[in-house]
Amino acid sequence: MAEGQAKLEQGQSELREEMSGLKGEVSGLKGEVSGLKGDVSGLRSEMSQGFTLLTELIKEKM
């Protein structure tokens, strides 16, 4: 009985370690997604500025 309890506790400990590692990975992925969202936002801003400049140039040429 004591041997079974020891194996159970060891398994629970290993599971906790694995869960902790997975939580860290998820946290890292959330950070990467946040960074990508920032990149996309920056690209949208640059595209908007580019279209504005292009529109102004077209108006000047007409």
PDB file of N, CA and C in Angstrom:
ATOM      1  N   MET A   1       0.823  -1.196   0.000  1.00  0.00           N
ATOM      2  CA  MET A   1       0.000   0.000   0.000  1.00  0.00           C
ATOM      3  C   MET A   1       0.866   1.258   0.000  1.00  0.00           C
ATOM      4  N   ALA A   2       1.907   1.241   0.825  1.00  0.00           N
ATOM      5  CA  ALA A   2       2.792   2.404   0.909  1.00  0.00           C
ATOM      6  C   ALA A   2       3.518   2.618  -0.415  1.00  0.00           C
ATOM      7  N   GLU A   3       3.847   1.510  -1.086  1.00  0.00           N
ATOM      8  CA  GLU A   3       4.538   1.612  -2.376  1.00  0.00           C
ATOM      9  C   GLU A   3       3.626   2.254  -3.419  1.00  0.00           C
ATOM     10  N   GLY A   4       2.366   1.861  -3.409  1.00  0.00           N
ATOM     11  CA  GLY A   4       1.393   2.448  -4.334  1.00  0.00           C
ATOM     12  C   GLY A   4       1.209   3.933  -4.069  1.00  0.00           C
ATOM     13  N   GLN A   5       1.169   4.299  -2.805  1.00  0.00           N
ATOM     14  CA  GLN A   5       1.020   5.710  -2.420  1.00  0.00           C
ATOM     15  C   GLN A   5       2.230   6.515  -2.884  1.00  0.00           C
ATOM     16  N   ALA A   6       3.420   5.944  -2.737  1.00  0.00           N
ATOM     17  CA  ALA A   6       4.643   6.626  -3.155  1.00  0.00           C
ATOM     18  C   ALA A   6       4.650   6.834  -4.667  1.00  0.00           C
ATOM     19  N   LYS A   7       4.211   5.817  -5.430  1.00  0.00           N
ATOM     20  CA  LYS A   7       4.153   5.951  -6.887  1.00  0.00           C
ATOM     21  C   LYS A   7       3.136   7.009  -7.297  1.00  0.00           C
ATOM     22  N   LEU A   8       2.004   7.025  -6.583  1.00  0.00           N
ATOM     23  CA  LEU A   8       0.970   8.016  -6.867  1.00  0.00           C
ATOM     24  C   LEU A   8       1.498   9.426  -6.623  1.00  0.00           C
ATOM     25  N   GLU A   9       2.174   9.616  -5.501  1.00  0.00           N
ATOM     26  CA  GLU A   9       2.731  10.931  -5.181  1.00  0.00           C
ATOM     27  C   GLU A   9       3.796  11.342  -6.194  1.00  0.00           C
ATOM     28  N   GLN A  10       4.622  10.384  -6.622  1.00  0.00           N
ATOM     29  CA  GLN A  10       5.647  10.679  -7.621  1.00  0.00           C
ATOM     30  C   GLN A  10       4.987  11.076  -8.938  1.00  0.00           C
ATOM     31  N   GLY A  11       3.952  10.347  -9.328  1.00  0.00           N
ATOM     32  CA  GLY A  11       3.229  10.669 -10.561  1.00  0.00           C
ATOM     33  C   GLY A  11       2.593  12.043 -10.492  1.00  0.00           C
ATOM     34  N   GLN A  12       2.012  12.375  -9.348  1.00  0.00           N
ATOM     35  CA  GLN A  12       1.401  13.694  -9.172  1.00  0.00           C
ATOM     36  C   GLN A  12       2.453  14.795  -9.251  1.00  0.00           C
ATOM     37  N   SER A  13       3.612  14.535  -8.661  1.00  0.00           N
ATOM     38  CA  SER A  13       4.697  15.513  -8.701  1.00  0.00           C
ATOM     39  C   SER A  13       5.172  15.740 -10.135  1.00  0.00           C
ATOM     40  N   GLU A  14       5.325  14.658 -10.883  1.00  0.00           N
ATOM     41  CA  GLU A  14       5.753  14.775 -12.281  1.00  0.00           C
ATOM     42  C   GLU A  14       4.702  15.517 -13.105  1.00  0.00           C
ATOM     43  N   LEU A  15       3.435  15.237 -12.824  1.00  0.00           N
ATOM     44  CA  LEU A  15       2.347  15.908 -13.533  1.00  0.00           C
ATOM     45  C   LEU A  15       2.356  17.409 -13.238  1.00  0.00           C
ATOM     46  N   ARG A  16       2.593  17.773 -11.987  1.00  0.00           N
ATOM     47  CA  ARG A  16       2.663  19.198 -11.624  1.00  0.00           C
ATOM     48  C   ARG A  16       3.806  19.896 -12.364  1.00  0.00           C
ATOM     49  N   GLU A  17       4.957  19.217 -12.441  1.00  0.00           N
ATOM     50  CA  GLU A  17       6.099  19.785 -13.156  1.00  0.00           C
ATOM     51  C   GLU A  17       5.768  19.984 -14.629  1.00  0.00           C
ATOM     52  N   GLU A  18       5.120  18.990 -15.222  1.00  0.00           N
ATOM     53  CA  GLU A  18       4.742  19.071 -16.635  1.00  0.00           C
ATOM     54  C   GLU A  18       3.747  20.209 -16.855  1.00  0.00           C
ATOM     55  N   MET A  19       2.779  20.322 -15.957  1.00  0.00           N
ATOM     56  CA  MET A  19       1.775  21.393 -16.058  1.00  0.00           C
ATOM     57  C   MET A  19       2.447  22.765 -15.940  1.00  0.00           C
ATOM     58  N   SER A  20       3.402  22.867 -15.036  1.00  0.00           N
ATOM     59  CA  SER A  20       4.118  24.125 -14.861  1.00  0.00           C
ATOM     60  C   SER A  20       4.867  24.496 -16.135  1.00  0.00           C
ATOM     61  N   GLY A  21       5.497  23.509 -16.744  1.00  0.00           N
ATOM     62  CA  GLY A  21       6.206  23.750 -18.005  1.00  0.00           C
ATOM     63  C   GLY A  21       5.261  24.175 -19.110  1.00  0.00           C
ATOM     64  N   LEU A  22       4.096  23.529 -19.172  1.00  0.00           N
ATOM     65  CA  LEU A  22       3.111  23.884 -20.197  1.00  0.00           C
ATOM     66  C   LEU A  22       2.574  25.294 -19.979  1.00  0.00           C
ATOM     67  N   LYS A  23       2.371  25.653 -18.720  1.00  0.00           N
ATOM     68  CA  LYS A  23       1.902  27.014 -18.422  1.00  0.00           C
ATOM     69  C   LYS A  23       2.926  28.041 -18.898  1.00  0.00           C
ATOM     70  N   GLY A  24       4.199  27.727 -18.705  1.00  0.00           N
ATOM     71  CA  GLY A  24       5.256  28.619 -19.177  1.00  0.00           C
ATOM     72  C   GLY A  24       5.255  28.747 -20.690  1.00  0.00           C
ATOM     73  N   GLU A  25       5.042  27.623 -21.373  1.00  0.00           N
ATOM     74  CA  GLU A  25       4.998  27.655 -22.838  1.00  0.00           C
ATOM     75  C   GLU A  25       3.805  28.468 -23.327  1.00  0.00           C
ATOM     76  N   VAL A  26       2.648  28.287 -22.694  1.00  0.00           N
ATOM     77  CA  VAL A  26       1.454  29.043 -23.073  1.00  0.00           C
ATOM     78  C   VAL A  26       1.689  30.533 -22.850  1.00  0.00           C
ATOM     79  N   SER A  27       2.309  30.862 -21.742  1.00  0.00           N
ATOM     80  CA  SER A  27       2.612  32.263 -21.460  1.00  0.00           C
ATOM     81  C   SER A  27       3.530  32.845 -22.536  1.00  0.00           C
ATOM     82  N   GLY A  28       4.524  32.071 -22.931  1.00  0.00           N
ATOM     83  CA  GLY A  28       5.429  32.513 -23.997  1.00  0.00           C
ATOM     84  C   GLY A  28       4.705  32.700 -25.316  1.00  0.00           C
ATOM     85  N   LEU A  29       3.791  31.786 -25.629  1.00  0.00           N
ATOM     86  CA  LEU A  29       3.018  31.899 -26.870  1.00  0.00           C
ATOM     87  C   LEU A  29       2.121  33.131 -26.845  1.00  0.00           C
ATOM     88  N   LYS A  30       1.544  33.415 -25.684  1.00  0.00           N
ATOM     89  CA  LYS A  30       0.706  34.617 -25.560  1.00  0.00           C
ATOM     90  C   LYS A  30       1.541  35.864 -25.836  1.00  0.00           C
ATOM     91  N   GLY A  31       2.770  35.871 -25.340  1.00  0.00           N
ATOM     92  CA  GLY A  31       3.663  36.997 -25.599  1.00  0.00           C
ATOM     93  C   GLY A  31       3.983  37.142 -27.081  1.00  0.00           C
ATOM     94  N   GLU A  32       4.207  36.009 -27.745  1.00  0.00           N
ATOM     95  CA  GLU A  32       4.494  36.048 -29.184  1.00  0.00           C
ATOM     96  C   GLU A  32       3.296  36.560 -29.968  1.00  0.00           C
ATOM     97  N   VAL A  33       2.095  36.103 -29.597  1.00  0.00           N
ATOM     98  CA  VAL A  33       0.877  36.555 -30.277  1.00  0.00           C
ATOM     99  C   VAL A  33       0.696  38.056 -30.072  1.00  0.00           C
ATOM    100  N   SER A  34       0.955  38.512 -28.866  1.00  0.00           N
ATOM    101  CA  SER A  34       0.847  39.942 -28.583  1.00  0.00           C
ATOM    102  C   SER A  34       1.822  40.735 -29.453  1.00  0.00           C
ATOM    103  N   GLY A  35       3.035  40.222 -29.590  1.00  0.00           N
ATOM    104  CA  GLY A  35       4.023  40.877 -30.448  1.00  0.00           C
ATOM    105  C   GLY A  35       3.591  40.898 -31.902  1.00  0.00           C
ATOM    106  N   LEU A  36       3.008  39.796 -32.368  1.00  0.00           N
ATOM    107  CA  LEU A  36       2.527  39.738 -33.751  1.00  0.00           C
ATOM    108  C   LEU A  36       1.389  40.722 -33.975  1.00  0.00           C
ATOM    109  N   LYS A  37       0.514  40.857 -32.978  1.00  0.00           N
ATOM    110  CA  LYS A  37      -0.584  41.830 -33.094  1.00  0.00           C
ATOM    111  C   LYS A  37      -0.015  43.239 -33.233  1.00  0.00           C
ATOM    112  N   GLY A  38       1.036  43.528 -32.481  1.00  0.00           N
ATOM    113  CA  GLY A  38       1.687  44.828 -32.587  1.00  0.00           C
ATOM    114  C   GLY A  38       2.292  45.042 -33.962  1.00  0.00           C
ATOM    115  N   ASP A  39       2.917  43.988 -34.500  1.00  0.00           N
ATOM    116  CA  ASP A  39       3.494  44.075 -35.843  1.00  0.00           C
ATOM    117  C   ASP A  39       2.419  44.355 -36.884  1.00  0.00           C
ATOM    118  N   VAL A  40       1.296  43.649 -36.784  1.00  0.00           N
ATOM    119  CA  VAL A  40       0.195  43.840 -37.735  1.00  0.00           C
ATOM    120  C   VAL A  40      -0.352  45.261 -37.628  1.00  0.00           C
ATOM    121  N   SER A  41      -0.494  45.741 -36.410  1.00  0.00           N
ATOM    122  CA  SER A  41      -0.987  47.103 -36.205  1.00  0.00           C
ATOM    123  C   SER A  41      -0.039  48.120 -36.845  1.00  0.00           C
ATOM    124  N   GLY A  42       1.257  47.906 -36.665  1.00  0.00           N
ATOM    125  CA  GLY A  42       2.245  48.791 -37.275  1.00  0.00           C
ATOM    126  C   GLY A  42       2.185  48.750 -38.793  1.00  0.00           C
ATOM    127  N   LEU A  43       2.017  47.558 -39.353  1.00  0.00           N
ATOM    128  CA  LEU A  43       1.920  47.426 -40.810  1.00  0.00           C
ATOM    129  C   LEU A  43       0.672  48.123 -41.345  1.00  0.00           C
ATOM    130  N   ARG A  44      -0.429  48.004 -40.618  1.00  0.00           N
ATOM    131  CA  ARG A  44      -1.661  48.683 -41.040  1.00  0.00           C
ATOM    132  C   ARG A  44      -1.450  50.190 -41.067  1.00  0.00           C
ATOM    133  N   SER A  45      -0.782  50.691 -40.053  1.00  0.00           N
ATOM    134  CA  SER A  45      -0.512  52.126 -39.982  1.00  0.00           C
ATOM    135  C   SER A  45       0.361  52.571 -41.150  1.00  0.00           C
ATOM    136  N   GLU A  46       1.403  51.796 -41.436  1.00  0.00           N
ATOM    137  CA  GLU A  46       2.290  52.131 -42.552  1.00  0.00           C
ATOM    138  C   GLU A  46       1.548  52.077 -43.883  1.00  0.00           C
ATOM    139  N   MET A  47       0.679  51.080 -44.049  1.00  0.00           N
ATOM    140  CA  MET A  47      -0.097  50.979 -45.287  1.00  0.00           C
ATOM    141  C   MET A  47      -1.028  52.175 -45.431  1.00  0.00           C
ATOM    142  N   SER A  48      -1.645  52.564 -44.335  1.00  0.00           N
ATOM    143  CA  SER A  48      -2.558  53.705 -44.364  1.00  0.00           C
ATOM    144  C   SER A  48      -1.809  54.973 -44.762  1.00  0.00           C
ATOM    145  N   GLN A  49      -0.632  55.169 -44.187  1.00  0.00           N
ATOM    146  CA  GLN A  49       0.177  56.339 -44.532  1.00  0.00           C
ATOM    147  C   GLN A  49       0.595  56.285 -45.996  1.00  0.00           C
ATOM    148  N   GLY A  50       0.949  55.106 -46.469  1.00  0.00           N
ATOM    149  CA  GLY A  50       1.346  54.942 -47.868  1.00  0.00           C
ATOM    150  C   GLY A  50       0.205  55.266 -48.812  1.00  0.00           C
ATOM    151  N   PHE A  51      -0.992  54.793 -48.491  1.00  0.00           N
ATOM    152  CA  PHE A  51      -2.153  55.089 -49.332  1.00  0.00           C
ATOM    153  C   PHE A  51      -2.475  56.581 -49.319  1.00  0.00           C
ATOM    154  N   THR A  52      -2.315  57.206 -48.159  1.00  0.00           N
ATOM    155  CA  THR A  52      -2.564  58.648 -48.065  1.00  0.00           C
ATOM    156  C   THR A  52      -1.591  59.410 -48.954  1.00  0.00           C
ATOM    157  N   LEU A  53      -0.320  59.056 -48.882  1.00  0.00           N
ATOM    158  CA  LEU A  53       0.685  59.717 -49.720  1.00  0.00           C
ATOM    159  C   LEU A  53       0.419  59.463 -51.200  1.00  0.00           C
ATOM    160  N   LEU A  54       0.067  58.239 -51.539  1.00  0.00           N
ATOM    161  CA  LEU A  54      -0.226  57.892 -52.924  1.00  0.00           C
ATOM    162  C   LEU A  54      -1.423  58.694 -53.437  1.00  0.00           C
ATOM    163  N   THR A  55      -2.446  58.813 -52.620  1.00  0.00           N
ATOM    164  CA  THR A  55      -3.633  59.593 -52.991  1.00  0.00           C
ATOM    165  C   THR A  55      -3.271  61.054 -53.225  1.00  0.00           C
ATOM    166  N   GLU A  56      -2.441  61.605 -52.351  1.00  0.00           N
ATOM    167  CA  GLU A  56      -2.016  63.001 -52.503  1.00  0.00           C
ATOM    168  C   GLU A  56      -1.217  63.189 -53.790  1.00  0.00           C
ATOM    169  N   LEU A  57      -0.331  62.245 -54.093  1.00  0.00           N
ATOM    170  CA  LEU A  57       0.455  62.341 -55.323  1.00  0.00           C
ATOM    171  C   LEU A  57      -0.438  62.264 -56.557  1.00  0.00           C
ATOM    172  N   ILE A  58      -1.407  61.385 -56.527  1.00  0.00           N
ATOM    173  CA  ILE A  58      -2.334  61.262 -57.661  1.00  0.00           C
ATOM    174  C   ILE A  58      -3.118  62.558 -57.845  1.00  0.00           C
ATOM    175  N   LYS A  59      -3.570  63.143 -56.745  1.00  0.00           N
ATOM    176  CA  LYS A  59      -4.327  64.402 -56.821  1.00  0.00           C
ATOM    177  C   LYS A  59      -3.465  65.518 -57.412  1.00  0.00           C
ATOM    178  N   GLU A  60      -2.185  65.552 -57.022  1.00  0.00           N
ATOM    179  CA  GLU A  60      -1.280  66.586 -57.530  1.00  0.00           C
ATOM    180  C   GLU A  60      -1.049  66.429 -59.032  1.00  0.00           C
ATOM    181  N   LYS A  61      -0.999  65.199 -59.508  1.00  0.00           N
ATOM    182  CA  LYS A  61      -0.731  64.943 -60.924  1.00  0.00           C
ATOM    183  C   LYS A  61      -1.952  65.215 -61.801  1.00  0.00           C
ATOM    184  N   MET A  62      -3.136  65.240 -61.203  1.00  0.00           N
ATOM    185  CA  MET A  62      -4.360  65.438 -61.996  1.00  0.00           C
ATOM    186  C   MET A  62      -4.660  66.873 -62.185  1.00  0.00           C
TER     187      MET A  62
END
